[in-house]
Amino acid sequence: GDLLPADGVLIQGNDLKIDESALTGESDHVRKALDRDPLLLSGTHVMEGSGRMVVTAVGVNSQSGIIFTLLGAGGDEEEEERKGKKG
């Protein structure tokens, strides 16, 4: 169960199965292959197989980063900015 640290596109894979439940809620493992569904997302776990990918996005630009931003995970920073402006 290695955690994928970034979004990317699969360029080489060997019976790769990914647990995307952290992002999609789907409990079944998703088979990834070059010819079908080669997109790998940060925050997901490799359950079987191996592969190589080209990184396309990291941090706040990744799918999990975008979700956290939309959910207001950066709210602490915004609160500090507001307090600084008032005082």
N, C-alpha and C. Protein backbone atom coordinates (compact mmCIF):
# COMPACT_ATOMS: atom_id res chain seq x y z
N GLY A 1 0.75 -1.20 0.00
CA GLY A 1 0.00 0.00 0.00
C GLY A 1 0.79 1.26 0.00
N ASP A 2 1.67 1.48 -1.00
CA ASP A 2 2.38 2.75 -1.12
C ASP A 2 1.40 3.87 -1.46
N LEU A 3 1.57 5.01 -0.82
CA LEU A 3 0.74 6.18 -1.07
C LEU A 3 1.33 6.95 -2.23
N LEU A 4 0.49 7.31 -3.20
CA LEU A 4 0.96 8.11 -4.33
C LEU A 4 1.05 9.57 -3.89
N PRO A 5 2.22 10.19 -4.01
CA PRO A 5 2.40 11.55 -3.52
C PRO A 5 2.01 12.65 -4.51
N ALA A 6 1.71 12.26 -5.76
CA ALA A 6 1.42 13.26 -6.79
C ALA A 6 0.47 12.67 -7.83
N ASP A 7 -0.17 13.53 -8.62
CA ASP A 7 -0.97 13.08 -9.75
C ASP A 7 -0.03 12.76 -10.90
N GLY A 8 -0.43 11.83 -11.75
CA GLY A 8 0.42 11.51 -12.89
C GLY A 8 -0.28 10.62 -13.88
N VAL A 9 0.46 10.32 -14.97
CA VAL A 9 -0.02 9.45 -16.03
C VAL A 9 0.89 8.23 -16.06
N LEU A 10 0.29 7.06 -16.05
CA LEU A 10 1.02 5.80 -16.09
C LEU A 10 1.74 5.66 -17.42
N ILE A 11 3.05 5.37 -17.37
CA ILE A 11 3.80 5.15 -18.60
C ILE A 11 4.32 3.71 -18.71
N GLN A 12 4.30 2.99 -17.58
CA GLN A 12 4.70 1.58 -17.57
C GLN A 12 4.04 0.94 -16.36
N GLY A 13 3.38 -0.18 -16.57
CA GLY A 13 2.70 -0.82 -15.46
C GLY A 13 2.68 -2.32 -15.57
N ASN A 14 2.61 -2.98 -14.41
CA ASN A 14 2.56 -4.43 -14.35
C ASN A 14 1.47 -4.83 -13.35
N ASP A 15 0.27 -5.18 -13.86
CA ASP A 15 -0.87 -5.60 -13.04
C ASP A 15 -1.12 -4.63 -11.89
N LEU A 16 -1.21 -3.35 -12.22
CA LEU A 16 -1.36 -2.30 -11.22
C LEU A 16 -2.81 -2.14 -10.78
N LYS A 17 -3.04 -2.22 -9.47
CA LYS A 17 -4.37 -2.00 -8.90
C LYS A 17 -4.25 -0.94 -7.82
N ILE A 18 -5.15 0.04 -7.87
CA ILE A 18 -5.10 1.21 -7.00
C ILE A 18 -6.36 1.27 -6.14
N ASP A 19 -6.20 1.63 -4.88
CA ASP A 19 -7.32 1.88 -3.97
C ASP A 19 -7.59 3.38 -4.00
N GLU A 20 -8.67 3.78 -4.68
CA GLU A 20 -9.02 5.20 -4.81
C GLU A 20 -10.11 5.61 -3.83
N SER A 21 -10.37 4.79 -2.81
CA SER A 21 -11.48 5.06 -1.90
C SER A 21 -11.32 6.38 -1.15
N ALA A 22 -10.10 6.84 -0.93
CA ALA A 22 -9.89 8.11 -0.23
C ALA A 22 -10.46 9.29 -1.02
N LEU A 23 -10.47 9.18 -2.35
CA LEU A 23 -10.97 10.28 -3.18
C LEU A 23 -12.39 10.03 -3.68
N THR A 24 -12.70 8.79 -4.05
CA THR A 24 -13.98 8.51 -4.70
C THR A 24 -14.99 7.83 -3.81
N GLY A 25 -14.53 7.19 -2.73
CA GLY A 25 -15.43 6.44 -1.87
C GLY A 25 -15.68 5.04 -2.37
N GLU A 26 -15.20 4.72 -3.56
CA GLU A 26 -15.37 3.39 -4.15
C GLU A 26 -14.43 2.40 -3.48
N SER A 27 -14.97 1.32 -2.92
CA SER A 27 -14.15 0.38 -2.16
C SER A 27 -13.41 -0.63 -3.03
N ASP A 28 -13.85 -0.82 -4.28
CA ASP A 28 -13.17 -1.77 -5.17
C ASP A 28 -11.86 -1.17 -5.68
N HIS A 29 -10.86 -2.03 -5.83
CA HIS A 29 -9.58 -1.59 -6.38
C HIS A 29 -9.74 -1.37 -7.88
N VAL A 30 -9.09 -0.32 -8.38
CA VAL A 30 -9.20 0.05 -9.79
C VAL A 30 -7.95 -0.42 -10.53
N ARG A 31 -8.17 -1.20 -11.60
CA ARG A 31 -7.05 -1.68 -12.41
C ARG A 31 -6.61 -0.54 -13.35
N LYS A 32 -5.33 -0.26 -13.35
CA LYS A 32 -4.78 0.79 -14.20
C LYS A 32 -3.92 0.16 -15.29
N ALA A 33 -4.05 0.65 -16.50
CA ALA A 33 -3.26 0.15 -17.63
C ALA A 33 -3.04 1.29 -18.61
N LEU A 34 -2.04 1.13 -19.48
CA LEU A 34 -1.73 2.18 -20.45
C LEU A 34 -2.88 2.43 -21.41
N ASP A 35 -3.59 1.37 -21.80
CA ASP A 35 -4.65 1.51 -22.79
C ASP A 35 -6.01 1.87 -22.20
N ARG A 36 -6.16 1.76 -20.88
CA ARG A 36 -7.43 2.17 -20.24
C ARG A 36 -7.15 2.71 -18.84
N ASP A 37 -7.66 3.87 -18.58
CA ASP A 37 -7.54 4.52 -17.27
C ASP A 37 -6.10 4.63 -16.76
N PRO A 38 -5.24 5.37 -17.47
CA PRO A 38 -3.84 5.49 -17.04
C PRO A 38 -3.59 6.62 -16.02
N LEU A 39 -4.65 7.32 -15.58
CA LEU A 39 -4.48 8.45 -14.68
C LEU A 39 -4.34 7.98 -13.24
N LEU A 40 -3.28 8.41 -12.57
CA LEU A 40 -3.02 8.08 -11.17
C LEU A 40 -3.17 9.34 -10.34
N LEU A 41 -3.83 9.24 -9.19
CA LEU A 41 -4.14 10.42 -8.38
C LEU A 41 -3.44 10.37 -7.03
N SER A 42 -2.98 11.52 -6.58
CA SER A 42 -2.33 11.61 -5.28
C SER A 42 -3.32 11.28 -4.18
N GLY A 43 -2.82 10.71 -3.10
CA GLY A 43 -3.66 10.34 -1.99
C GLY A 43 -4.26 8.96 -2.11
N THR A 44 -4.02 8.28 -3.24
CA THR A 44 -4.51 6.92 -3.42
C THR A 44 -3.37 5.94 -3.10
N HIS A 45 -3.74 4.68 -2.91
CA HIS A 45 -2.76 3.67 -2.50
C HIS A 45 -2.60 2.59 -3.56
N VAL A 46 -1.35 2.18 -3.80
CA VAL A 46 -1.07 1.05 -4.68
C VAL A 46 -1.32 -0.22 -3.88
N MET A 47 -2.21 -1.08 -4.37
CA MET A 47 -2.55 -2.30 -3.65
C MET A 47 -1.86 -3.53 -4.25
N GLU A 48 -1.68 -3.53 -5.57
CA GLU A 48 -1.02 -4.64 -6.24
C GLU A 48 -0.23 -4.11 -7.43
N GLY A 49 0.80 -4.86 -7.81
CA GLY A 49 1.55 -4.54 -9.01
C GLY A 49 2.56 -3.43 -8.81
N SER A 50 3.05 -2.96 -9.95
CA SER A 50 4.05 -1.89 -9.94
C SER A 50 3.88 -1.05 -11.20
N GLY A 51 4.53 0.10 -11.20
CA GLY A 51 4.44 0.95 -12.37
C GLY A 51 5.31 2.19 -12.25
N ARG A 52 5.37 2.91 -13.36
CA ARG A 52 6.07 4.20 -13.42
C ARG A 52 5.10 5.21 -14.00
N MET A 53 5.24 6.45 -13.53
CA MET A 53 4.35 7.49 -14.03
C MET A 53 5.12 8.78 -14.27
N VAL A 54 4.55 9.61 -15.11
CA VAL A 54 5.03 10.97 -15.32
C VAL A 54 4.18 11.86 -14.43
N VAL A 55 4.79 12.61 -13.55
CA VAL A 55 4.07 13.48 -12.62
C VAL A 55 3.49 14.67 -13.39
N THR A 56 2.21 14.93 -13.15
CA THR A 56 1.53 16.05 -13.81
C THR A 56 1.12 17.16 -12.85
N ALA A 57 0.98 16.84 -11.56
CA ALA A 57 0.58 17.86 -10.59
C ALA A 57 0.98 17.43 -9.18
N VAL A 58 1.37 18.41 -8.37
CA VAL A 58 1.72 18.16 -6.97
C VAL A 58 1.06 19.21 -6.08
N GLY A 59 1.01 18.91 -4.79
CA GLY A 59 0.51 19.88 -3.80
C GLY A 59 -0.89 20.35 -4.07
N VAL A 60 -1.11 21.66 -3.98
CA VAL A 60 -2.45 22.22 -4.13
C VAL A 60 -2.97 22.10 -5.56
N ASN A 61 -2.10 21.80 -6.52
CA ASN A 61 -2.53 21.63 -7.91
C ASN A 61 -2.99 20.21 -8.21
N SER A 62 -2.75 19.27 -7.30
CA SER A 62 -3.19 17.89 -7.50
C SER A 62 -4.68 17.77 -7.19
N GLN A 63 -5.29 16.65 -7.57
CA GLN A 63 -6.71 16.46 -7.31
C GLN A 63 -7.03 16.51 -5.82
N SER A 64 -6.23 15.85 -5.01
CA SER A 64 -6.49 15.89 -3.56
C SER A 64 -6.26 17.29 -3.01
N GLY A 65 -5.28 18.02 -3.53
CA GLY A 65 -5.03 19.39 -3.11
C GLY A 65 -6.19 20.31 -3.45
N ILE A 66 -6.76 20.12 -4.63
CA ILE A 66 -7.91 20.91 -5.06
C ILE A 66 -9.10 20.62 -4.15
N ILE A 67 -9.31 19.34 -3.83
CA ILE A 67 -10.43 18.98 -2.96
C ILE A 67 -10.25 19.60 -1.58
N PHE A 68 -9.04 19.51 -1.01
CA PHE A 68 -8.80 20.09 0.31
C PHE A 68 -9.00 21.60 0.29
N THR A 69 -8.59 22.25 -0.79
CA THR A 69 -8.78 23.69 -0.91
C THR A 69 -10.26 24.05 -0.95
N LEU A 70 -11.02 23.29 -1.75
CA LEU A 70 -12.45 23.55 -1.86
C LEU A 70 -13.18 23.29 -0.54
N LEU A 71 -12.69 22.34 0.24
CA LEU A 71 -13.31 22.04 1.53
C LEU A 71 -12.88 23.02 2.62
N GLY A 72 -11.95 23.91 2.30
CA GLY A 72 -11.54 24.91 3.26
C GLY A 72 -10.46 24.43 4.21
N ALA A 73 -9.64 23.48 3.76
CA ALA A 73 -8.56 22.97 4.61
C ALA A 73 -7.55 24.06 4.92
N GLY A 74 -7.49 25.10 4.09
CA GLY A 74 -6.58 26.20 4.34
C GLY A 74 -7.22 27.29 5.17
N GLY A 75 -8.29 26.99 5.88
CA GLY A 75 -9.05 27.97 6.65
C GLY A 75 -8.25 28.62 7.76
N ASP A 76 -7.28 27.91 8.36
CA ASP A 76 -6.47 28.48 9.44
C ASP A 76 -5.68 29.69 8.94
N GLU A 77 -5.12 29.58 7.74
CA GLU A 77 -4.35 30.69 7.18
C GLU A 77 -5.25 31.88 6.92
N GLU A 78 -6.46 31.63 6.41
CA GLU A 78 -7.40 32.71 6.13
C GLU A 78 -7.81 33.42 7.41
N GLU A 79 -8.02 32.65 8.48
CA GLU A 79 -8.40 33.25 9.77
C GLU A 79 -7.30 34.16 10.28
N GLU A 80 -6.04 33.73 10.16
CA GLU A 80 -4.92 34.53 10.63
C GLU A 80 -4.83 35.83 9.83
N GLU A 81 -5.09 35.76 8.52
CA GLU A 81 -5.06 36.96 7.68
C GLU A 81 -6.15 37.94 8.12
N ARG A 82 -7.34 37.43 8.41
CA ARG A 82 -8.45 38.30 8.84
C ARG A 82 -8.13 38.96 10.18
N LYS A 83 -7.58 38.20 11.11
CA LYS A 83 -7.23 38.76 12.43
C LYS A 83 -6.16 39.83 12.29
N GLY A 84 -5.21 39.59 11.37
CA GLY A 84 -4.14 40.58 11.14
C GLY A 84 -4.67 41.88 10.58
N LYS A 85 -5.69 41.80 9.71
CA LYS A 85 -6.27 42.99 9.10
C LYS A 85 -7.09 43.79 10.11
N LYS A 86 -7.76 43.09 11.06
CA LYS A 86 -8.59 43.78 12.04
C LYS A 86 -7.76 44.50 13.07
N GLY A 87 -6.60 43.90 13.43
CA GLY A 87 -5.81 44.44 14.53
C GLY A 87 -4.82 45.42 14.16
